[in-house]
Amino acid sequence: MTLESHVESRPRRRAPPRREGCRRQVEANREQLARAKAGGLRGLAYDPEWIEGDGEDIVELYLEALRRKQLAFRQADFICTCPPYFDLEVYDGGANDLSMLPSYDAFLVKYSRIIKEAAKLLRPTQLAAFVVGNVRDKNGITHSMLADTISAFKSAGCNPLNTGVLLTALATAPQRAGRQMAATSKWVQVHQEQDTLVVVKGDRFTTKEAKRAGIDASGSGIAGL
């Protein structure tokens, strides 16, 4: 069982209201599932469930979803998400929207609470993967979401297992870099190097745990996921 969080992305501009964007994404996911099943998709024990709500309420939202499907409680085998990078994209979702909090400190408090609640749903020795990036606040100060995410997970009983770098296109950043440096003495912020963090719930992840999770420790990839 996998818990995944999705935030619709619109680079460098004010996004539509978060609830509206989330609802469109949920509808698109359901349509995609329907097409896949019509095209012959087989083997699902039950259909995926997409839920709208506050991340701090993830435990209760998850339990409600299980009750609707008449399923017994089971912790997740894997959690994955790419959370908002503070206010880089504003989703207009109201007072509890991570992207609309008044400061990075306020963002970090709520973000850490969400991680703590999500970690409660993860089985021991299982993994969570987050894609995060540095953010610059309104005062020009850069904050490391990777370091803060690791700290939040450690407080929730999880420990870093792997980190990597996700490379994306530079787009127009090279053309803008000189002008921005001359005007503000700051580098152009790009997400060419987004950090990918994998944590484990607990303080160990041996070859035995890897095999139990479906990871082929021989290096040939992931099996059975």
C-alpha atoms as a PDB file:
ATOM      1  CA  MET A   1       0.000   0.000   0.000  1.00  0.00           C
ATOM      2  CA  THR A   2       1.428   3.349  -1.080  1.00  0.00           C
ATOM      3  CA  LEU A   3       0.537   6.859   0.066  1.00  0.00           C
ATOM      4  CA  GLU A   4       1.316   9.512  -2.521  1.00  0.00           C
ATOM      5  CA  SER A   5       0.813  13.269  -2.332  1.00  0.00           C
ATOM      6  CA  HIS A   6       0.528  15.387  -5.465  1.00  0.00           C
ATOM      7  CA  VAL A   7       0.629  19.151  -5.875  1.00  0.00           C
ATOM      8  CA  GLU A   8      -0.191  20.571  -9.281  1.00  0.00           C
ATOM      9  CA  SER A   9       2.779  22.592 -10.534  1.00  0.00           C
ATOM     10  CA  ARG A  10       2.736  25.977 -12.261  1.00  0.00           C
ATOM     11  CA  PRO A  11       6.195  27.502 -12.441  1.00  0.00           C
ATOM     12  CA  ARG A  12       6.794  31.047 -11.177  1.00  0.00           C
ATOM     13  CA  ARG A  13       3.235  32.351 -11.150  1.00  0.00           C
ATOM     14  CA  ARG A  14       0.182  32.375  -8.966  1.00  0.00           C
ATOM     15  CA  ALA A  15      -1.616  29.091  -9.365  1.00  0.00           C
ATOM     16  CA  PRO A  16      -5.414  28.628  -9.376  1.00  0.00           C
ATOM     17  CA  PRO A  17      -7.024  27.983  -6.000  1.00  0.00           C
ATOM     18  CA  ARG A  18      -5.420  24.876  -4.542  1.00  0.00           C
ATOM     19  CA  ARG A  19      -8.716  23.114  -3.944  1.00  0.00           C
ATOM     20  CA  GLU A  20      -9.723  23.682  -7.567  1.00  0.00           C
ATOM     21  CA  GLY A  21      -6.348  22.490  -8.861  1.00  0.00           C
ATOM     22  CA  CYS A  22      -6.385  19.461  -6.591  1.00  0.00           C
ATOM     23  CA  ARG A  23      -9.907  18.547  -7.681  1.00  0.00           C
ATOM     24  CA  ARG A  24      -8.916  18.757 -11.357  1.00  0.00           C
ATOM     25  CA  GLN A  25      -5.938  16.508 -10.693  1.00  0.00           C
ATOM     26  CA  VAL A  26      -8.092  13.993  -8.827  1.00  0.00           C
ATOM     27  CA  GLU A  27     -10.598  13.939 -11.686  1.00  0.00           C
ATOM     28  CA  ALA A  28      -7.785  13.454 -14.216  1.00  0.00           C
ATOM     29  CA  ASN A  29      -6.397  10.561 -12.147  1.00  0.00           C
ATOM     30  CA  ARG A  30      -9.784   8.861 -12.030  1.00  0.00           C
ATOM     31  CA  GLU A  31     -10.248   9.297 -15.770  1.00  0.00           C
ATOM     32  CA  GLN A  32      -6.822   7.817 -16.404  1.00  0.00           C
ATOM     33  CA  LEU A  33      -7.648   4.823 -14.204  1.00  0.00           C
ATOM     34  CA  ALA A  34     -10.941   4.289 -16.043  1.00  0.00           C
ATOM     35  CA  ARG A  35      -9.126   4.335 -19.404  1.00  0.00           C
ATOM     36  CA  ALA A  36      -6.517   1.895 -18.119  1.00  0.00           C
ATOM     37  CA  LYS A  37      -9.180  -0.511 -16.870  1.00  0.00           C
ATOM     38  CA  ALA A  38     -11.099  -0.211 -20.132  1.00  0.00           C
ATOM     39  CA  GLY A  39      -7.849  -0.992 -21.930  1.00  0.00           C
ATOM     40  CA  GLY A  40      -7.391  -4.227 -20.028  1.00  0.00           C
ATOM     41  CA  LEU A  41      -5.665  -3.281 -16.774  1.00  0.00           C
ATOM     42  CA  ARG A  42      -5.874  -6.232 -14.419  1.00  0.00           C
ATOM     43  CA  GLY A  43      -4.546  -7.288 -11.067  1.00  0.00           C
ATOM     44  CA  LEU A  44      -5.746  -4.459  -8.814  1.00  0.00           C
ATOM     45  CA  ALA A  45      -6.942  -5.750  -5.450  1.00  0.00           C
ATOM     46  CA  TYR A  46      -8.897  -2.496  -5.100  1.00  0.00           C
ATOM     47  CA  ASP A  47      -9.015   0.841  -6.888  1.00  0.00           C
ATOM     48  CA  PRO A  48      -6.710   3.673  -5.765  1.00  0.00           C
ATOM     49  CA  GLU A  49      -8.269   6.337  -3.542  1.00  0.00           C
ATOM     50  CA  TRP A  50      -7.567  10.044  -4.053  1.00  0.00           C
ATOM     51  CA  ILE A  51      -8.323  12.253  -1.063  1.00  0.00           C
ATOM     52  CA  GLU A  52      -8.503  16.037  -0.696  1.00  0.00           C
ATOM     53  CA  GLY A  53      -7.706  17.510   2.700  1.00  0.00           C
ATOM     54  CA  ASP A  54      -5.225  19.022   5.133  1.00  0.00           C
ATOM     55  CA  GLY A  55      -2.011  17.010   5.416  1.00  0.00           C
ATOM     56  CA  GLU A  56      -2.096  17.320   9.199  1.00  0.00           C
ATOM     57  CA  ASP A  57      -5.332  15.281   9.095  1.00  0.00           C
ATOM     58  CA  ILE A  58      -3.827  12.484   6.999  1.00  0.00           C
ATOM     59  CA  VAL A  59      -4.342   9.788   9.643  1.00  0.00           C
ATOM     60  CA  GLU A  60      -8.074  10.436  10.024  1.00  0.00           C
ATOM     61  CA  LEU A  61      -8.525  10.926   6.270  1.00  0.00           C
ATOM     62  CA  TYR A  62      -6.807   7.590   5.653  1.00  0.00           C
ATOM     63  CA  LEU A  63      -8.955   5.816   8.233  1.00  0.00           C
ATOM     64  CA  GLU A  64     -12.109   7.290   6.670  1.00  0.00           C
ATOM     65  CA  ALA A  65     -11.018   6.012   3.257  1.00  0.00           C
ATOM     66  CA  LEU A  66     -10.496   2.526   4.673  1.00  0.00           C
ATOM     67  CA  ARG A  67     -13.935   2.591   6.288  1.00  0.00           C
ATOM     68  CA  ARG A  68     -15.555   3.592   2.983  1.00  0.00           C
ATOM     69  CA  LYS A  69     -13.894   0.623   1.288  1.00  0.00           C
ATOM     70  CA  GLN A  70     -14.609  -1.649   4.264  1.00  0.00           C
ATOM     71  CA  LEU A  71     -10.924  -2.477   4.574  1.00  0.00           C
ATOM     72  CA  ALA A  72      -9.022  -3.342   7.733  1.00  0.00           C
ATOM     73  CA  PHE A  73      -6.362  -0.913   8.958  1.00  0.00           C
ATOM     74  CA  ARG A  74      -2.925  -1.458   7.498  1.00  0.00           C
ATOM     75  CA  GLN A  75       0.077   0.827   7.576  1.00  0.00           C
ATOM     76  CA  ALA A  76       1.620   1.969   4.299  1.00  0.00           C
ATOM     77  CA  ASP A  77       4.519   0.183   2.619  1.00  0.00           C
ATOM     78  CA  PHE A  78       5.738   3.389   0.966  1.00  0.00           C
ATOM     79  CA  ILE A  79       5.093   7.146   1.071  1.00  0.00           C
ATOM     80  CA  CYS A  80       6.121   9.501  -1.723  1.00  0.00           C
ATOM     81  CA  THR A  81       5.543  13.194  -2.397  1.00  0.00           C
ATOM     82  CA  CYS A  82       6.922  16.427  -3.813  1.00  0.00           C
ATOM     83  CA  PRO A  83       5.685  19.013  -1.270  1.00  0.00           C
ATOM     84  CA  PRO A  84       5.266  22.757  -1.920  1.00  0.00           C
ATOM     85  CA  TYR A  85       8.542  24.667  -1.781  1.00  0.00           C
ATOM     86  CA  PHE A  86       7.147  27.193   0.705  1.00  0.00           C
ATOM     87  CA  ASP A  87       5.667  30.074  -1.382  1.00  0.00           C
ATOM     88  CA  LEU A  88       7.485  29.478  -4.667  1.00  0.00           C
ATOM     89  CA  GLU A  89       4.038  28.624  -6.050  1.00  0.00           C
ATOM     90  CA  VAL A  90       0.985  30.016  -4.253  1.00  0.00           C
ATOM     91  CA  TYR A  91      -2.163  27.875  -4.403  1.00  0.00           C
ATOM     92  CA  ASP A  92      -4.700  30.124  -2.656  1.00  0.00           C
ATOM     93  CA  GLY A  93      -6.000  27.236  -0.577  1.00  0.00           C
ATOM     94  CA  GLY A  94      -6.749  29.223   2.560  1.00  0.00           C
ATOM     95  CA  ALA A  95      -5.169  29.613   5.972  1.00  0.00           C
ATOM     96  CA  ASN A  96      -3.927  26.009   6.166  1.00  0.00           C
ATOM     97  CA  ASP A  97      -2.285  26.059   2.733  1.00  0.00           C
ATOM     98  CA  LEU A  98       1.486  25.509   3.134  1.00  0.00           C
ATOM     99  CA  SER A  99       2.193  27.940   0.304  1.00  0.00           C
ATOM    100  CA  MET A 100       0.273  30.779   1.982  1.00  0.00           C
ATOM    101  CA  LEU A 101       1.844  30.787   5.444  1.00  0.00           C
ATOM    102  CA  PRO A 102       3.381  34.119   6.471  1.00  0.00           C
ATOM    103  CA  SER A 103       6.981  32.945   6.932  1.00  0.00           C
ATOM    104  CA  TYR A 104       9.281  30.026   6.276  1.00  0.00           C
ATOM    105  CA  ASP A 105       9.338  29.343  10.015  1.00  0.00           C
ATOM    106  CA  ALA A 106       5.542  29.004  10.050  1.00  0.00           C
ATOM    107  CA  PHE A 107       5.738  26.809   6.943  1.00  0.00           C
ATOM    108  CA  LEU A 108       8.314  24.587   8.628  1.00  0.00           C
ATOM    109  CA  VAL A 109       6.181  24.111  11.752  1.00  0.00           C
ATOM    110  CA  LYS A 110       3.187  22.857   9.749  1.00  0.00           C
ATOM    111  CA  TYR A 111       5.346  20.918   7.273  1.00  0.00           C
ATOM    112  CA  SER A 112       7.027  19.087  10.176  1.00  0.00           C
ATOM    113  CA  ARG A 113       3.635  18.246  11.692  1.00  0.00           C
ATOM    114  CA  ILE A 114       2.483  16.784   8.376  1.00  0.00           C
ATOM    115  CA  ILE A 115       5.618  14.623   8.174  1.00  0.00           C
ATOM    116  CA  LYS A 116       5.050  13.439  11.758  1.00  0.00           C
ATOM    117  CA  GLU A 117       1.452  12.444  10.984  1.00  0.00           C
ATOM    118  CA  ALA A 118       2.397  10.737   7.719  1.00  0.00           C
ATOM    119  CA  ALA A 119       5.154   8.770   9.447  1.00  0.00           C
ATOM    120  CA  LYS A 120       2.545   7.284  11.808  1.00  0.00           C
ATOM    121  CA  LEU A 121       1.044   5.525   8.783  1.00  0.00           C
ATOM    122  CA  LEU A 122       4.343   4.024   7.589  1.00  0.00           C
ATOM    123  CA  ARG A 123       5.231   0.475   8.617  1.00  0.00           C
ATOM    124  CA  PRO A 124       8.513   0.008  10.528  1.00  0.00           C
ATOM    125  CA  THR A 125      11.585  -0.492   8.294  1.00  0.00           C
ATOM    126  CA  GLN A 126       9.630   0.811   5.271  1.00  0.00           C
ATOM    127  CA  LEU A 127      10.574   3.786   3.102  1.00  0.00           C
ATOM    128  CA  ALA A 128       9.394   7.313   2.275  1.00  0.00           C
ATOM    129  CA  ALA A 129      10.680   9.398  -0.640  1.00  0.00           C
ATOM    130  CA  PHE A 130      10.471  13.210  -0.843  1.00  0.00           C
ATOM    131  CA  VAL A 131      11.611  15.514  -3.663  1.00  0.00           C
ATOM    132  CA  VAL A 132      12.517  18.933  -2.251  1.00  0.00           C
ATOM    133  CA  GLY A 133      14.524  22.010  -3.210  1.00  0.00           C
ATOM    134  CA  ASN A 134      16.049  25.138  -1.727  1.00  0.00           C
ATOM    135  CA  VAL A 135      13.764  28.156  -1.413  1.00  0.00           C
ATOM    136  CA  ARG A 136      14.470  31.869  -1.029  1.00  0.00           C
ATOM    137  CA  ASP A 137      12.217  33.921   1.220  1.00  0.00           C
ATOM    138  CA  LYS A 138      11.036  37.500   0.735  1.00  0.00           C
ATOM    139  CA  ASN A 139      14.143  38.795   2.546  1.00  0.00           C
ATOM    140  CA  GLY A 140      16.476  37.037   0.122  1.00  0.00           C
ATOM    141  CA  ILE A 141      17.516  34.297   2.564  1.00  0.00           C
ATOM    142  CA  THR A 142      17.885  30.780   1.149  1.00  0.00           C
ATOM    143  CA  HIS A 143      16.507  27.873   3.186  1.00  0.00           C
ATOM    144  CA  SER A 144      17.533  24.226   2.725  1.00  0.00           C
ATOM    145  CA  MET A 145      14.404  22.110   2.588  1.00  0.00           C
ATOM    146  CA  LEU A 146      16.561  18.979   2.400  1.00  0.00           C
ATOM    147  CA  ALA A 147      18.153  19.659   5.793  1.00  0.00           C
ATOM    148  CA  ASP A 148      14.813  20.677   7.315  1.00  0.00           C
ATOM    149  CA  THR A 149      13.039  17.616   5.885  1.00  0.00           C
ATOM    150  CA  ILE A 150      15.700  15.286   7.313  1.00  0.00           C
ATOM    151  CA  SER A 151      15.329  16.984  10.697  1.00  0.00           C
ATOM    152  CA  ALA A 152      11.531  16.630  10.626  1.00  0.00           C
ATOM    153  CA  PHE A 153      11.754  12.955   9.705  1.00  0.00           C
ATOM    154  CA  LYS A 154      14.288  12.250  12.446  1.00  0.00           C
ATOM    155  CA  SER A 155      11.903  13.833  14.954  1.00  0.00           C
ATOM    156  CA  ALA A 156       9.218  11.479  13.604  1.00  0.00           C
ATOM    157  CA  GLY A 157      11.334   8.361  14.113  1.00  0.00           C
ATOM    158  CA  CYS A 158      12.711   8.055  10.578  1.00  0.00           C
ATOM    159  CA  ASN A 159      16.305   8.238   9.371  1.00  0.00           C
ATOM    160  CA  PRO A 160      17.892   9.201   6.041  1.00  0.00           C
ATOM    161  CA  LEU A 161      18.831   6.247   3.857  1.00  0.00           C
ATOM    162  CA  ASN A 162      19.656   7.773   0.455  1.00  0.00           C
ATOM    163  CA  THR A 163      19.942  11.214  -1.090  1.00  0.00           C
ATOM    164  CA  GLY A 164      20.238  12.039  -4.763  1.00  0.00           C
ATOM    165  CA  VAL A 165      19.981  14.944  -7.167  1.00  0.00           C
ATOM    166  CA  LEU A 166      17.202  15.246  -9.746  1.00  0.00           C
ATOM    167  CA  LEU A 167      18.497  17.223 -12.730  1.00  0.00           C
ATOM    168  CA  THR A 168      16.019  19.264 -14.763  1.00  0.00           C
ATOM    169  CA  ALA A 169      16.309  21.781 -17.590  1.00  0.00           C
ATOM    170  CA  LEU A 170      17.811  25.231 -17.006  1.00  0.00           C
ATOM    171  CA  ALA A 171      15.322  26.855 -19.391  1.00  0.00           C
ATOM    172  CA  THR A 172      15.988  30.624 -19.541  1.00  0.00           C
ATOM    173  CA  ALA A 173      18.105  30.781 -16.370  1.00  0.00           C
ATOM    174  CA  PRO A 174      21.423  31.317 -18.222  1.00  0.00           C
ATOM    175  CA  GLN A 175      19.951  34.354 -20.031  1.00  0.00           C
ATOM    176  CA  ARG A 176      18.598  35.833 -16.784  1.00  0.00           C
ATOM    177  CA  ALA A 177      21.591  35.116 -14.568  1.00  0.00           C
ATOM    178  CA  GLY A 178      23.744  38.105 -15.505  1.00  0.00           C
ATOM    179  CA  ARG A 179      20.947  40.663 -15.156  1.00  0.00           C
ATOM    180  CA  GLN A 180      19.817  39.300 -11.801  1.00  0.00           C
ATOM    181  CA  MET A 181      23.335  39.182 -10.376  1.00  0.00           C
ATOM    182  CA  ALA A 182      23.944  42.777 -11.453  1.00  0.00           C
ATOM    183  CA  ALA A 183      20.657  43.975  -9.976  1.00  0.00           C
ATOM    184  CA  THR A 184      20.454  41.977  -6.734  1.00  0.00           C
ATOM    185  CA  SER A 185      23.806  40.212  -6.168  1.00  0.00           C
ATOM    186  CA  LYS A 186      21.906  36.910  -6.094  1.00  0.00           C
ATOM    187  CA  TRP A 187      22.085  33.847  -8.301  1.00  0.00           C
ATOM    188  CA  VAL A 188      19.044  32.868 -10.321  1.00  0.00           C
ATOM    189  CA  GLN A 189      17.104  30.262  -8.370  1.00  0.00           C
ATOM    190  CA  VAL A 190      16.467  27.257 -10.583  1.00  0.00           C
ATOM    191  CA  HIS A 191      15.335  23.746  -9.785  1.00  0.00           C
ATOM    192  CA  GLN A 192      17.973  22.160 -11.959  1.00  0.00           C
ATOM    193  CA  GLU A 193      19.152  20.309  -8.881  1.00  0.00           C
ATOM    194  CA  GLN A 194      16.229  19.128  -6.800  1.00  0.00           C
ATOM    195  CA  ASP A 195      17.101  16.907  -3.865  1.00  0.00           C
ATOM    196  CA  THR A 196      15.606  13.437  -3.648  1.00  0.00           C
ATOM    197  CA  LEU A 197      15.504  12.082  -0.108  1.00  0.00           C
ATOM    198  CA  VAL A 198      14.693   8.507   0.918  1.00  0.00           C
ATOM    199  CA  VAL A 199      14.190   7.773   4.607  1.00  0.00           C
ATOM    200  CA  VAL A 200      13.469   4.587   6.522  1.00  0.00           C
ATOM    201  CA  LYS A 201      11.167   4.310   9.515  1.00  0.00           C
ATOM    202  CA  GLY A 202      13.405   3.142  12.299  1.00  0.00           C
ATOM    203  CA  ASP A 203      17.143   2.920  12.675  1.00  0.00           C
ATOM    204  CA  ARG A 204      18.062   0.136  10.283  1.00  0.00           C
ATOM    205  CA  PHE A 205      17.534  -1.059   6.713  1.00  0.00           C
ATOM    206  CA  THR A 206      19.461  -4.263   6.107  1.00  0.00           C
ATOM    207  CA  THR A 207      19.578  -6.501   3.032  1.00  0.00           C
ATOM    208  CA  LYS A 208      16.831  -8.567   4.656  1.00  0.00           C
ATOM    209  CA  GLU A 209      14.562  -5.525   4.952  1.00  0.00           C
ATOM    210  CA  ALA A 210      15.387  -4.497   1.388  1.00  0.00           C
ATOM    211  CA  LYS A 211      14.349  -7.875   0.012  1.00  0.00           C
ATOM    212  CA  ARG A 212      11.179  -7.824   2.093  1.00  0.00           C
ATOM    213  CA  ALA A 213      10.367  -4.422   0.553  1.00  0.00           C
ATOM    214  CA  GLY A 214      10.844  -5.837  -2.958  1.00  0.00           C
ATOM    215  CA  ILE A 215      14.244  -4.236  -3.593  1.00  0.00           C
ATOM    216  CA  ASP A 216      16.737  -6.449  -5.415  1.00  0.00           C
ATOM    217  CA  ALA A 217      19.915  -5.987  -3.379  1.00  0.00           C
ATOM    218  CA  SER A 218      22.019  -7.413  -6.218  1.00  0.00           C
ATOM    219  CA  GLY A 219      21.757  -4.041  -7.956  1.00  0.00           C
ATOM    220  CA  SER A 220      19.509  -5.134 -10.826  1.00  0.00           C
ATOM    221  CA  GLY A 221      16.605  -2.945  -9.698  1.00  0.00           C
ATOM    222  CA  ILE A 222      13.319  -3.150  -7.873  1.00  0.00           C
ATOM    223  CA  ALA A 223      11.115  -6.203  -8.155  1.00  0.00           C
ATOM    224  CA  GLY A 224       7.527  -6.728  -7.242  1.00  0.00           C
ATOM    225  CA  LEU A 225       6.576  -3.099  -6.621  1.00  0.00           C
END
